[in-house]
């Protein structure tokens, strides 16, 4: 169908996408990129996935899944049907009609955005891109990245944005372990450099995803809304954490307080305290905005204060652990601490930015003899050493001076924990159904 508002170049690409004749590229086959590549292939497109890690490429091409949000059988099927090819060869960019950039955007040691992965991806694409191509950045970043960093890199080719090629930003929305919402059914926000860019990018997502596609006026709006999403959670979790610290001092159960407040049918949304923030978004994204705000001579006081509160929680957990052990006339130095869960949230294998890592590191400094149990994590790195979690057993529970619950995995045998653990410090309210049965039970 001809759209008179589209340029000829945009209409051509629009039609290829609508008819599923377009070849789609995905740069970065991690937690965001691989699920997106799989969904695009399932939707009927030929997909080429690009990654710098040969191990990842080989696993994808062998149909071996390494991301929790991807169904093993679905990956194997689309590989068998030759709908998805993974490669480290960026020259294959010239074969795609549209490409999504899904690479990391971490913070550096100074808490400033590291856009080097976006820049290098843009440069690789620019080497091989041709007229008529759509490029969509999905990596979470600060407002202005698409227009200030990616656009100039791509236009060094001599091609003009909105006329010769199309550029947009559409923030990833991935919540590992979420049973209700995934890549396919989560609504998508799209903002292009020009109206043509927005319409072409939106058409691609409409043909791949079940969720609504919400078009905004610019990439900067789409970039900012992503920061707002995670800053909202960041600040409200900080409030819950501060309430937890205060309630403990006042001898009030913060979990009971939150449950009571949640009975209000309007004006309140429950957020819960925990041992700290983890994952690829909430601990990091707000600081993109904090950094960018300085360019406009603005100090994001609330965001930075929330960061201080959340970042202090692992140390608070260690301090509380010391106090709890003192009640049994034991010190953390030399104590046998059984830590349940190292993943940053329940029922996933992801340890990125997990507060459990900071807790373990601090306990190690204090001389604790800790053992980690996590059925979802095969191994993790702590202080430049590989740590392998063990199985949860009655003997391990009985021999522990303190059982510290840092991740509330569904597969933990909480009844056994309640019966066998001599002292429990629960930072996730995981033992709420057994609390009356446990003599030495402490909650955050």
Protein backbone atom coordinates (compact mmCIF):
# COMPACT_ATOMS: atom_id res chain seq x y z
CA UNK A 1 0.00 0.00 0.00
CA UNK A 2 1.38 3.38 -1.02
CA UNK A 3 1.76 5.95 1.76
CA UNK A 4 1.94 9.45 0.24
CA UNK A 5 3.72 10.76 3.33
CA UNK A 6 6.70 8.45 2.76
CA UNK A 7 9.61 9.19 0.46
CA UNK A 8 10.24 6.78 -2.41
CA UNK A 9 13.24 5.28 -0.58
CA UNK A 10 11.25 4.89 2.62
CA UNK A 11 8.26 3.38 0.79
CA UNK A 12 10.49 0.78 -0.85
CA UNK A 13 11.89 -0.34 2.50
CA UNK A 14 8.44 -0.13 4.13
CA UNK A 15 7.06 -2.52 1.51
CA UNK A 16 9.94 -4.99 1.93
CA UNK A 17 9.34 -5.03 5.68
CA UNK A 18 5.56 -5.34 5.33
CA UNK A 19 5.91 -8.21 2.86
CA UNK A 20 8.61 -9.85 5.02
CA UNK A 21 11.06 -9.75 2.15
CA UNK A 22 13.60 -7.78 4.21
CA UNK A 23 16.68 -9.35 5.75
CA UNK A 24 17.16 -8.19 9.33
CA UNK A 25 20.43 -7.81 11.22
CA UNK A 26 20.94 -7.78 14.99
CA UNK A 27 24.25 -6.54 16.40
CA UNK A 28 24.97 -8.03 19.81
CA UNK A 29 23.59 -11.47 20.72
CA UNK A 30 23.23 -11.02 24.46
CA UNK A 31 20.24 -10.71 26.80
CA UNK A 32 18.53 -8.22 24.46
CA UNK A 33 19.84 -9.13 21.03
CA UNK A 34 19.33 -12.90 20.94
CA UNK A 35 15.65 -12.84 22.04
CA UNK A 36 15.02 -10.08 19.47
CA UNK A 37 16.77 -12.03 16.71
CA UNK A 38 14.72 -15.12 17.55
CA UNK A 39 11.43 -13.20 17.48
CA UNK A 40 12.29 -11.62 14.12
CA UNK A 41 13.13 -15.03 12.68
CA UNK A 42 9.91 -16.53 14.12
CA UNK A 43 7.98 -13.69 12.45
CA UNK A 44 9.22 -14.90 9.07
CA UNK A 45 12.24 -12.73 8.38
CA UNK A 46 15.68 -13.96 7.45
CA UNK A 47 17.94 -12.79 10.29
CA UNK A 48 21.70 -12.36 10.57
CA UNK A 49 23.07 -11.95 14.09
CA UNK A 50 26.42 -10.24 14.61
CA UNK A 51 28.65 -10.63 17.66
CA UNK A 52 32.34 -10.20 18.44
CA UNK A 53 32.39 -13.32 20.65
CA UNK A 54 33.09 -16.40 18.54
CA UNK A 55 31.79 -18.67 21.31
CA UNK A 56 28.36 -17.03 21.18
CA UNK A 57 28.27 -17.22 17.40
CA UNK A 58 29.16 -20.91 17.43
CA UNK A 59 26.53 -21.71 20.06
CA UNK A 60 23.79 -19.92 18.13
CA UNK A 61 24.71 -21.63 14.88
CA UNK A 62 24.67 -24.97 16.70
CA UNK A 63 21.22 -24.19 18.07
CA UNK A 64 22.50 -24.04 21.65
CA UNK A 65 20.69 -21.49 23.78
CA UNK A 66 22.42 -19.47 26.52
CA UNK A 67 19.74 -16.85 27.33
CA UNK A 68 16.94 -17.62 29.80
CA UNK A 69 14.27 -15.70 27.88
CA UNK A 70 14.81 -17.77 24.72
CA UNK A 71 13.05 -21.12 24.33
CA UNK A 72 15.62 -23.82 23.48
CA UNK A 73 13.36 -25.58 20.99
CA UNK A 74 12.50 -22.36 19.17
CA UNK A 75 16.16 -21.45 18.67
CA UNK A 76 16.96 -24.96 17.43
CA UNK A 77 14.03 -24.85 15.00
CA UNK A 78 14.85 -21.50 13.39
CA UNK A 79 18.50 -22.55 13.03
CA UNK A 80 17.42 -25.79 11.38
CA UNK A 81 15.12 -23.84 9.07
CA UNK A 82 18.01 -21.48 8.24
CA UNK A 83 16.06 -18.45 9.39
CA UNK A 84 18.89 -17.26 11.65
CA UNK A 85 22.63 -17.13 10.99
CA UNK A 86 25.16 -15.83 13.50
CA UNK A 87 28.51 -14.41 12.43
CA UNK A 88 31.50 -12.32 13.48
CA UNK A 89 31.86 -11.09 9.89
CA UNK A 90 30.45 -7.55 9.74
CA UNK A 91 30.83 -7.41 5.97
CA UNK A 92 27.51 -9.29 5.87
CA UNK A 93 25.89 -5.99 6.92
CA UNK A 94 25.66 -5.24 3.20
CA UNK A 95 23.14 -8.09 2.92
CA UNK A 96 20.65 -6.69 5.45
CA UNK A 97 17.88 -4.16 4.95
CA UNK A 98 17.49 -3.24 8.62
CA UNK A 99 19.73 -3.69 11.64
CA UNK A 100 19.18 -3.32 15.38
CA UNK A 101 22.08 -2.42 17.66
CA UNK A 102 21.79 -4.27 20.99
CA UNK A 103 25.21 -3.82 22.59
CA UNK A 104 26.13 -2.99 26.22
CA UNK A 105 26.24 0.58 27.48
CA UNK A 106 27.93 0.25 30.88
CA UNK A 107 29.27 2.91 33.21
CA UNK A 108 33.01 3.45 33.43
CA UNK A 109 35.00 3.67 36.66
CA UNK A 110 33.92 7.31 37.04
CA UNK A 111 30.20 6.47 36.79
CA UNK A 112 30.07 8.00 33.31
CA UNK A 113 28.41 6.37 30.27
CA UNK A 114 30.67 4.15 28.19
CA UNK A 115 29.35 4.43 24.63
CA UNK A 116 32.34 2.70 23.05
CA UNK A 117 30.31 -0.40 22.09
CA UNK A 118 27.70 1.75 20.34
CA UNK A 119 30.40 3.72 18.55
CA UNK A 120 32.30 0.65 17.38
CA UNK A 121 29.06 -0.97 16.18
CA UNK A 122 28.16 2.18 14.29
CA UNK A 123 31.56 2.28 12.63
CA UNK A 124 31.31 -1.37 11.57
CA UNK A 125 27.85 -0.78 10.11
CA UNK A 126 29.03 2.37 8.32
CA UNK A 127 31.80 0.41 6.59
CA UNK A 128 29.29 -1.81 4.79
CA UNK A 129 25.90 -0.05 4.85
CA UNK A 130 24.11 0.85 1.65
CA UNK A 131 21.37 3.31 0.75
CA UNK A 132 17.88 2.36 1.83
CA UNK A 133 18.89 0.72 5.10
CA UNK A 134 17.20 1.12 8.51
CA UNK A 135 19.35 1.28 11.66
CA UNK A 136 17.70 1.12 15.09
CA UNK A 137 19.61 1.61 18.33
CA UNK A 138 18.11 -0.41 21.21
CA UNK A 139 20.87 -0.09 23.81
CA UNK A 140 19.85 1.90 26.87
CA UNK A 141 21.63 5.24 26.93
CA UNK A 142 21.30 8.95 27.67
CA UNK A 143 19.09 11.31 25.64
CA UNK A 144 20.99 12.51 22.58
CA UNK A 145 23.09 9.42 21.89
CA UNK A 146 21.36 8.49 18.62
CA UNK A 147 21.59 12.00 17.18
CA UNK A 148 24.90 13.13 18.69
CA UNK A 149 26.99 9.94 18.38
CA UNK A 150 25.43 7.42 16.00
CA UNK A 151 24.07 9.76 13.33
CA UNK A 152 27.42 11.51 12.60
CA UNK A 153 29.22 8.15 12.39
CA UNK A 154 26.74 6.82 9.84
CA UNK A 155 26.67 10.06 7.84
CA UNK A 156 30.44 9.91 7.35
CA UNK A 157 29.52 7.54 4.51
CA UNK A 158 28.06 10.53 2.62
CA UNK A 159 24.53 9.16 3.02
CA UNK A 160 21.94 11.46 4.57
CA UNK A 161 19.67 10.45 7.44
CA UNK A 162 15.98 10.37 6.54
CA UNK A 163 16.69 10.44 2.83
CA UNK A 164 19.32 7.82 1.99
CA UNK A 165 19.00 5.75 5.15
CA UNK A 166 16.74 5.67 8.20
CA UNK A 167 17.77 5.95 11.84
CA UNK A 168 15.66 5.48 14.96
CA UNK A 169 15.86 4.64 18.65
CA UNK A 170 13.68 1.99 20.28
CA UNK A 171 14.64 1.14 23.87
CA UNK A 172 14.90 -2.50 24.85
CA UNK A 173 12.41 -3.66 27.43
CA UNK A 174 13.71 -6.92 28.83
CA UNK A 175 12.78 -8.20 32.28
CA UNK A 176 14.59 -11.53 32.75
CA UNK A 177 12.45 -14.15 34.43
CA UNK A 178 9.16 -12.30 33.93
CA UNK A 179 6.49 -14.94 33.33
CA UNK A 180 3.94 -12.54 31.85
CA UNK A 181 5.90 -10.15 29.64
CA UNK A 182 8.71 -10.94 27.23
CA UNK A 183 10.26 -9.47 24.08
CA UNK A 184 7.29 -10.44 21.92
CA UNK A 185 4.36 -9.08 23.93
CA UNK A 186 5.88 -6.02 25.63
CA UNK A 187 4.80 -2.67 24.09
CA UNK A 188 7.54 -0.90 22.12
CA UNK A 189 8.44 2.78 21.89
CA UNK A 190 9.97 4.08 18.64
CA UNK A 191 11.38 7.51 17.86
CA UNK A 192 13.09 8.31 14.53
CA UNK A 193 15.26 11.19 13.37
CA UNK A 194 12.59 12.04 10.80
CA UNK A 195 8.97 11.01 10.26
CA UNK A 196 10.10 8.59 7.55
CA UNK A 197 12.56 7.01 10.00
CA UNK A 198 9.86 6.56 12.64
CA UNK A 199 7.31 5.02 10.27
CA UNK A 200 9.72 2.53 8.74
CA UNK A 201 11.07 1.44 12.15
CA UNK A 202 7.56 1.17 13.61
CA UNK A 203 6.47 -1.01 10.71
CA UNK A 204 9.25 -3.47 11.45
CA UNK A 205 8.26 -3.84 15.11
CA UNK A 206 4.56 -4.08 14.23
CA UNK A 207 5.38 -7.07 12.03
CA UNK A 208 7.45 -8.80 14.72
CA UNK A 209 5.86 -8.06 18.09
CA UNK A 210 2.41 -8.55 19.59
CA UNK A 211 2.64 -5.55 21.91
CA UNK A 212 1.58 -2.05 20.86
CA UNK A 213 4.12 0.13 19.04
CA UNK A 214 4.06 3.66 20.41
CA UNK A 215 5.59 6.30 18.12
CA UNK A 216 7.21 9.40 19.63
CA UNK A 217 8.53 12.57 18.03
CA UNK A 218 12.27 11.96 18.31
CA UNK A 219 14.99 9.55 19.45
CA UNK A 220 15.67 11.82 22.44
CA UNK A 221 12.10 11.33 23.71
CA UNK A 222 12.44 7.55 23.37
CA UNK A 223 15.84 7.63 25.09
CA UNK A 224 14.49 9.75 27.94
CA UNK A 225 11.39 7.61 28.49
CA UNK A 226 13.60 4.56 29.00
CA UNK A 227 15.62 6.43 31.61
CA UNK A 228 12.39 7.55 33.28
CA UNK A 229 11.12 3.96 33.50
CA UNK A 230 14.15 2.76 35.40
CA UNK A 231 14.70 5.93 37.43
CA UNK A 232 11.14 5.58 38.71
CA UNK A 233 11.94 2.12 40.04
CA UNK A 234 15.39 3.19 41.26
CA UNK A 235 13.96 5.99 43.42
CA UNK A 236 11.01 4.03 44.79
CA UNK A 237 13.21 1.07 45.73
CA UNK A 238 15.50 3.53 47.52
CA UNK A 239 12.51 4.76 49.51
CA UNK A 240 11.62 1.18 50.45
CA UNK A 241 15.23 0.51 51.47
CA UNK A 242 15.40 3.64 53.60
CA UNK A 243 12.12 2.68 55.27
CA UNK A 244 13.58 -0.77 55.97
CA UNK A 245 16.62 0.68 57.73
CA UNK A 246 14.48 3.07 59.79
CA UNK A 247 11.84 0.46 60.63
CA UNK A 248 14.53 -1.91 61.89
CA UNK A 249 15.80 0.74 64.28
CA UNK A 250 12.26 1.46 65.46
CA UNK A 251 11.42 -2.21 65.93
CA UNK A 252 8.74 -2.12 63.23
CA UNK A 253 8.29 -4.80 60.55
CA UNK A 254 8.72 -2.95 57.22
CA UNK A 255 7.17 -5.80 55.25
CA UNK A 256 3.98 -5.61 57.31
CA UNK A 257 3.96 -1.84 56.82
CA UNK A 258 4.19 -2.18 53.02
CA UNK A 259 1.50 -4.86 52.92
CA UNK A 260 -0.78 -2.59 54.93
CA UNK A 261 -0.11 0.41 52.70
CA UNK A 262 -0.78 -1.70 49.60
CA UNK A 263 -4.39 -2.18 50.67
CA UNK A 264 -5.04 1.40 49.53
CA UNK A 265 -6.67 1.10 46.08
CA UNK A 266 -5.32 4.42 44.79
CA UNK A 267 -2.25 6.62 45.14
CA UNK A 268 0.13 3.87 46.27
CA UNK A 269 2.24 1.31 44.42
CA UNK A 270 4.19 -1.20 46.55
CA UNK A 271 7.96 -1.40 46.15
CA UNK A 272 10.02 -3.67 48.36
CA UNK A 273 13.41 -3.39 50.05
CA UNK A 274 16.28 -5.74 49.33
CA UNK A 275 20.03 -6.25 49.66
CA UNK A 276 20.74 -3.76 46.86
CA UNK A 277 20.09 -3.25 43.16
CA UNK A 278 21.21 -5.57 40.40
CA UNK A 279 20.81 -6.20 36.71
CA UNK A 280 21.67 -4.39 33.51
CA UNK A 281 19.32 -1.40 33.93
CA UNK A 282 18.20 -0.04 37.29
CA UNK A 283 21.64 0.29 38.96
CA UNK A 284 23.08 1.95 35.85
CA UNK A 285 20.54 3.82 33.73
CA UNK A 286 19.73 6.70 36.12
CA UNK A 287 23.38 7.71 36.13
CA UNK A 288 23.27 8.26 32.35
CA UNK A 289 20.82 11.06 33.05
CA UNK A 290 22.83 12.37 36.00
CA UNK A 291 25.86 12.65 33.72
CA UNK A 292 23.95 14.25 30.83
CA UNK A 293 22.23 16.75 33.16
CA UNK A 294 25.58 18.37 33.95
CA UNK A 295 25.75 19.56 30.34
CA UNK A 296 22.67 21.64 31.13
CA UNK A 297 24.03 22.84 34.49
CA UNK A 298 21.49 20.78 36.40
CA UNK A 299 22.16 18.57 39.40
CA UNK A 300 19.85 15.54 39.72
CA UNK A 301 19.76 15.51 43.52
CA UNK A 302 16.96 12.98 44.00
CA UNK A 303 18.47 10.43 41.60
CA UNK A 304 21.92 10.67 43.16
CA UNK A 305 20.55 10.41 46.70
CA UNK A 306 18.57 7.32 45.72
CA UNK A 307 21.79 5.88 44.30
CA UNK A 308 23.58 6.46 47.61
CA UNK A 309 20.84 4.68 49.53
CA UNK A 310 20.66 1.68 47.20
CA UNK A 311 24.43 1.37 46.89
CA UNK A 312 24.74 1.30 50.68
CA UNK A 313 22.44 -1.72 51.11
CA UNK A 314 25.07 -4.48 50.65
CA UNK A 315 27.18 -2.91 53.39
CA UNK A 316 24.07 -2.61 55.56
CA UNK A 317 23.34 -6.31 55.05
CA UNK A 318 26.86 -7.19 56.19
CA UNK A 319 26.52 -4.91 59.22
CA UNK A 320 23.19 -6.51 60.16
CA UNK A 321 24.78 -9.96 59.72
CA UNK A 322 27.44 -8.97 62.23
CA UNK A 323 24.79 -7.82 64.71
CA UNK A 324 22.81 -11.03 64.31
CA UNK A 325 25.89 -13.19 64.86
CA UNK A 326 26.81 -11.12 67.92
CA UNK A 327 23.55 -12.22 69.54
CA UNK A 328 24.94 -15.76 69.43
CA UNK A 329 28.28 -14.49 70.76
CA UNK A 330 29.93 -15.07 67.39
CA UNK A 331 31.85 -12.77 65.08
CA UNK A 332 31.64 -12.59 61.31
CA UNK A 333 35.35 -13.34 61.21
CA UNK A 334 35.51 -17.12 60.96
CA UNK A 335 31.74 -17.59 60.92
CA UNK A 336 30.25 -20.14 58.53
CA UNK A 337 27.80 -18.19 56.39
CA UNK A 338 25.57 -20.03 53.92
CA UNK A 339 24.48 -17.53 51.26
CA UNK A 340 21.36 -18.52 49.32
CA UNK A 341 21.29 -16.91 45.89
CA UNK A 342 23.84 -14.91 43.91
CA UNK A 343 21.69 -13.98 40.89
CA UNK A 344 20.36 -10.42 41.06
CA UNK A 345 16.71 -11.57 41.02
CA UNK A 346 14.72 -14.75 41.52
CA UNK A 347 14.64 -17.66 39.09
CA UNK A 348 17.29 -16.38 36.65
CA UNK A 349 20.99 -17.05 36.09
CA UNK A 350 22.05 -13.42 35.63
CA UNK A 351 24.58 -12.08 38.15
CA UNK A 352 25.25 -8.73 36.50
CA UNK A 353 25.59 -6.00 39.15
CA UNK A 354 24.15 -8.42 41.71
CA UNK A 355 24.28 -7.01 45.25
CA UNK A 356 25.17 -10.50 46.46
CA UNK A 357 28.60 -10.03 44.86
CA UNK A 358 29.25 -6.91 46.94
CA UNK A 359 28.00 -8.67 50.06
CA UNK A 360 30.27 -11.66 49.48
CA UNK A 361 33.24 -9.42 48.72
CA UNK A 362 32.73 -7.49 51.96
CA UNK A 363 32.23 -10.67 53.97
CA UNK A 364 35.42 -12.06 52.51
CA UNK A 365 37.29 -8.96 53.74
CA UNK A 366 35.82 -9.49 57.20
CA UNK A 367 37.09 -13.08 57.28
CA UNK A 368 33.78 -14.92 56.90
CA UNK A 369 33.85 -18.53 55.74
CA UNK A 370 31.03 -18.39 53.21
CA UNK A 371 29.44 -20.97 50.93
CA UNK A 372 27.08 -20.06 48.11
CA UNK A 373 24.01 -21.96 46.93
CA UNK A 374 22.33 -20.99 43.66
CA UNK A 375 20.67 -23.62 41.44
CA UNK A 376 20.55 -21.21 38.49
CA UNK A 377 24.22 -20.15 38.48
CA UNK A 378 26.93 -22.61 37.47
CA UNK A 379 29.80 -20.33 38.44
CA UNK A 380 30.64 -16.67 38.94
CA UNK A 381 33.69 -14.48 39.41
CA UNK A 382 34.45 -12.86 42.76
CA UNK A 383 37.64 -10.94 43.47
CA UNK A 384 39.21 -12.39 40.31
CA UNK A 385 38.47 -15.95 41.38
CA UNK A 386 35.90 -18.43 40.06
CA UNK A 387 33.33 -19.52 42.62
CA UNK A 388 31.07 -22.53 42.02
CA UNK A 389 27.83 -22.70 44.03
CA UNK A 390 27.02 -25.94 45.86
CA UNK A 391 23.77 -27.83 46.37
CA UNK A 392 21.49 -27.00 49.27
CA UNK A 393 21.60 -29.82 51.84
CA UNK A 394 20.41 -30.37 55.39
CA UNK A 395 24.01 -30.74 56.51
CA UNK A 396 25.03 -27.39 54.99
CA UNK A 397 22.11 -25.69 56.74
CA UNK A 398 22.79 -27.31 60.11
CA UNK A 399 26.51 -26.47 60.01
CA UNK A 400 25.99 -22.80 59.17
CA UNK A 401 26.31 -20.11 61.82
CA UNK A 402 24.13 -17.88 59.64
CA UNK A 403 21.93 -18.57 56.62
CA UNK A 404 21.69 -15.39 54.53
CA UNK A 405 18.98 -15.27 51.86
CA UNK A 406 19.98 -12.80 49.14
CA UNK A 407 17.87 -14.19 46.26
CA UNK A 408 14.43 -15.73 46.71
CA UNK A 409 14.57 -18.49 44.10
CA UNK A 410 11.34 -20.48 43.83
CA UNK A 411 13.25 -23.78 43.81
CA UNK A 412 14.72 -23.36 47.30
CA UNK A 413 13.23 -25.78 49.82
CA UNK A 414 12.06 -23.16 52.30
CA UNK A 415 10.45 -25.73 54.57
CA UNK A 416 13.79 -27.51 54.96
CA UNK A 417 15.52 -24.18 55.50
CA UNK A 418 13.02 -23.30 58.23
CA UNK A 419 13.54 -26.64 59.95
CA UNK A 420 17.33 -26.98 59.70
CA UNK A 421 18.86 -23.48 59.69
CA UNK A 422 19.93 -22.33 63.18
CA UNK A 423 19.82 -18.60 62.32
CA UNK A 424 18.28 -16.98 59.24
CA UNK A 425 18.70 -13.43 57.90
CA UNK A 426 16.16 -13.00 55.11
CA UNK A 427 16.70 -9.95 52.88
CA UNK A 428 13.89 -10.88 50.45
CA UNK A 429 11.00 -11.87 52.76
CA UNK A 430 11.29 -15.32 51.21
CA UNK A 431 10.45 -17.12 54.47
CA UNK A 432 7.27 -15.18 55.23
CA UNK A 433 5.16 -18.37 55.26
CA UNK A 434 7.44 -20.01 57.83
CA UNK A 435 8.47 -17.07 60.02
CA UNK A 436 6.36 -18.15 63.00
CA UNK A 437 8.03 -21.56 62.98
CA UNK A 438 11.62 -20.24 63.14
CA UNK A 439 13.20 -19.27 66.45
CA UNK A 440 16.10 -17.18 65.18
CA UNK A 441 14.63 -15.41 62.18
CA UNK A 442 15.52 -11.89 61.06
CA UNK A 443 14.19 -9.88 58.12
CA UNK A 444 15.67 -6.86 56.43
